[in-house]
C-alpha atoms as a PDB file:
ATOM      1  CA  MET A   1      10.433 -10.951 -11.682  1.00  0.00           C
ATOM      2  CA  GLN A   2       6.829 -10.620 -11.942  1.00  0.00           C
ATOM      3  CA  GLY A   3       5.960  -8.768  -8.789  1.00  0.00           C
ATOM      4  CA  GLU A   4       7.668 -11.184  -6.441  1.00  0.00           C
ATOM      5  CA  LEU A   5       9.673  -9.599  -3.305  1.00  0.00           C
ATOM      6  CA  SER A   6      13.061 -11.057  -2.274  1.00  0.00           C
ATOM      7  CA  PRO A   7      13.580 -11.736   1.498  1.00  0.00           C
ATOM      8  CA  ASN A   8      15.975  -8.527   1.349  1.00  0.00           C
ATOM      9  CA  MET A   9      13.820  -6.315  -0.354  1.00  0.00           C
ATOM     10  CA  ALA A  10      11.158  -7.205   2.229  1.00  0.00           C
ATOM     11  CA  ILE A  11      13.427  -6.630   5.038  1.00  0.00           C
ATOM     12  CA  ALA A  12      14.239  -3.347   3.440  1.00  0.00           C
ATOM     13  CA  ILE A  13      10.867  -2.044   2.860  1.00  0.00           C
ATOM     14  CA  ALA A  14       9.837  -3.286   6.634  1.00  0.00           C
ATOM     15  CA  SER A  15      12.684  -1.408   8.089  1.00  0.00           C
ATOM     16  CA  SER A  16      12.078   1.870   6.399  1.00  0.00           C
ATOM     17  CA  LYS A  17      10.436   4.718   8.344  1.00  0.00           C
ATOM     18  CA  ALA A  18       8.390   5.651   5.378  1.00  0.00           C
ATOM     19  CA  LYS A  19       4.630   5.082   5.309  1.00  0.00           C
ATOM     20  CA  LYS A  20       3.849   1.730   3.650  1.00  0.00           C
ATOM     21  CA  LEU A  21       0.260   1.696   1.542  1.00  0.00           C
ATOM     22  CA  LEU A  22      -0.425  -2.111   0.865  1.00  0.00           C
ATOM     23  CA  LEU A  23      -2.938  -3.253  -1.801  1.00  0.00           C
ATOM     24  CA  PRO A  24      -4.444  -6.580  -0.600  1.00  0.00           C
ATOM     25  CA  ILE A  25      -4.228  -8.544  -3.828  1.00  0.00           C
ATOM     26  CA  HIS A  26      -5.978 -11.909  -3.456  1.00  0.00           C
ATOM     27  CA  ARG A  27      -3.959 -14.873  -4.802  1.00  0.00           C
ATOM     28  CA  SER A  28      -4.832 -18.549  -4.825  1.00  0.00           C
ATOM     29  CA  ASN A  29      -4.290 -20.204  -1.129  1.00  0.00           C
ATOM     30  CA  ILE A  30      -3.973 -16.728   0.370  1.00  0.00           C
ATOM     31  CA  GLU A  31      -6.914 -15.108   2.100  1.00  0.00           C
ATOM     32  CA  ILE A  32      -6.888 -11.611   4.137  1.00  0.00           C
ATOM     33  CA  ILE A  33      -9.658 -11.971   6.636  1.00  0.00           C
ATOM     34  CA  GLY A  34     -11.850  -8.759   7.010  1.00  0.00           C
ATOM     35  CA  ILE A  35     -10.794  -7.402   3.841  1.00  0.00           C
ATOM     36  CA  ALA A  36     -13.570  -7.908   0.802  1.00  0.00           C
ATOM     37  CA  ALA A  37     -12.423  -8.772  -2.510  1.00  0.00           C
ATOM     38  CA  GLU A  38     -12.505  -5.862  -4.723  1.00  0.00           C
ATOM     39  CA  PRO A  39     -11.181  -5.365  -8.617  1.00  0.00           C
ATOM     40  CA  LEU A  40      -7.966  -3.919  -8.909  1.00  0.00           C
ATOM     41  CA  PRO A  41      -9.026  -0.448 -10.477  1.00  0.00           C
ATOM     42  CA  HIS A  42     -11.233   0.146  -7.261  1.00  0.00           C
ATOM     43  CA  LEU A  43      -8.133  -0.877  -5.130  1.00  0.00           C
ATOM     44  CA  VAL A  44      -5.889   1.529  -7.002  1.00  0.00           C
ATOM     45  CA  GLU A  45      -8.714   4.547  -6.704  1.00  0.00           C
ATOM     46  CA  LYS A  46      -8.745   3.949  -3.013  1.00  0.00           C
ATOM     47  CA  LEU A  47      -4.665   3.885  -3.145  1.00  0.00           C
ATOM     48  CA  LEU A  48      -4.550   7.208  -5.130  1.00  0.00           C
ATOM     49  CA  ALA A  49      -7.079   9.094  -2.628  1.00  0.00           C
ATOM     50  CA  GLN A  50      -5.103   7.939   0.352  1.00  0.00           C
ATOM     51  CA  ILE A  51      -1.589   9.013  -1.454  1.00  0.00           C
ATOM     52  CA  ARG A  52      -3.644  12.295  -1.924  1.00  0.00           C
ATOM     53  CA  LYS A  53      -4.575  12.684   1.567  1.00  0.00           C
ATOM     54  CA  CYS A  54      -1.171  11.998   2.886  1.00  0.00           C
ATOM     55  CA  MET A  55       0.249  14.594   0.527  1.00  0.00           C
ATOM     56  CA  GLU A  56      -2.038  17.093   1.472  1.00  0.00           C
ATOM     57  CA  MET A  57      -1.580  16.396   5.357  1.00  0.00           C
ATOM     58  CA  GLU A  58       2.305  16.612   4.585  1.00  0.00           C
ATOM     59  CA  ASP A  59       1.621  19.920   2.901  1.00  0.00           C
ATOM     60  CA  GLU A  60      -0.190  21.190   6.239  1.00  0.00           C
ATOM     61  CA  ASN A  61       2.638  20.178   8.282  1.00  0.00           C
ATOM     62  CA  VAL A  62       5.195  22.099   6.270  1.00  0.00           C
ATOM     63  CA  ARG A  63       3.196  25.209   5.863  1.00  0.00           C
ATOM     64  CA  GLY A  64       2.681  25.102  10.034  1.00  0.00           C
END
């Protein structure tokens, strides 16, 4: 596999209660309206920033 999702994998991911963070990777014949095309390294930086934010919020919730 080269990053493809099987139907069963997609169902398992979608049905999970976990928060999902998606990277809008542009591929031929697929266009995501309202999302600017950015280089993958920029998207990864944004993803990491969001993960850090989620972890900080989780830490605050645990501490009370």
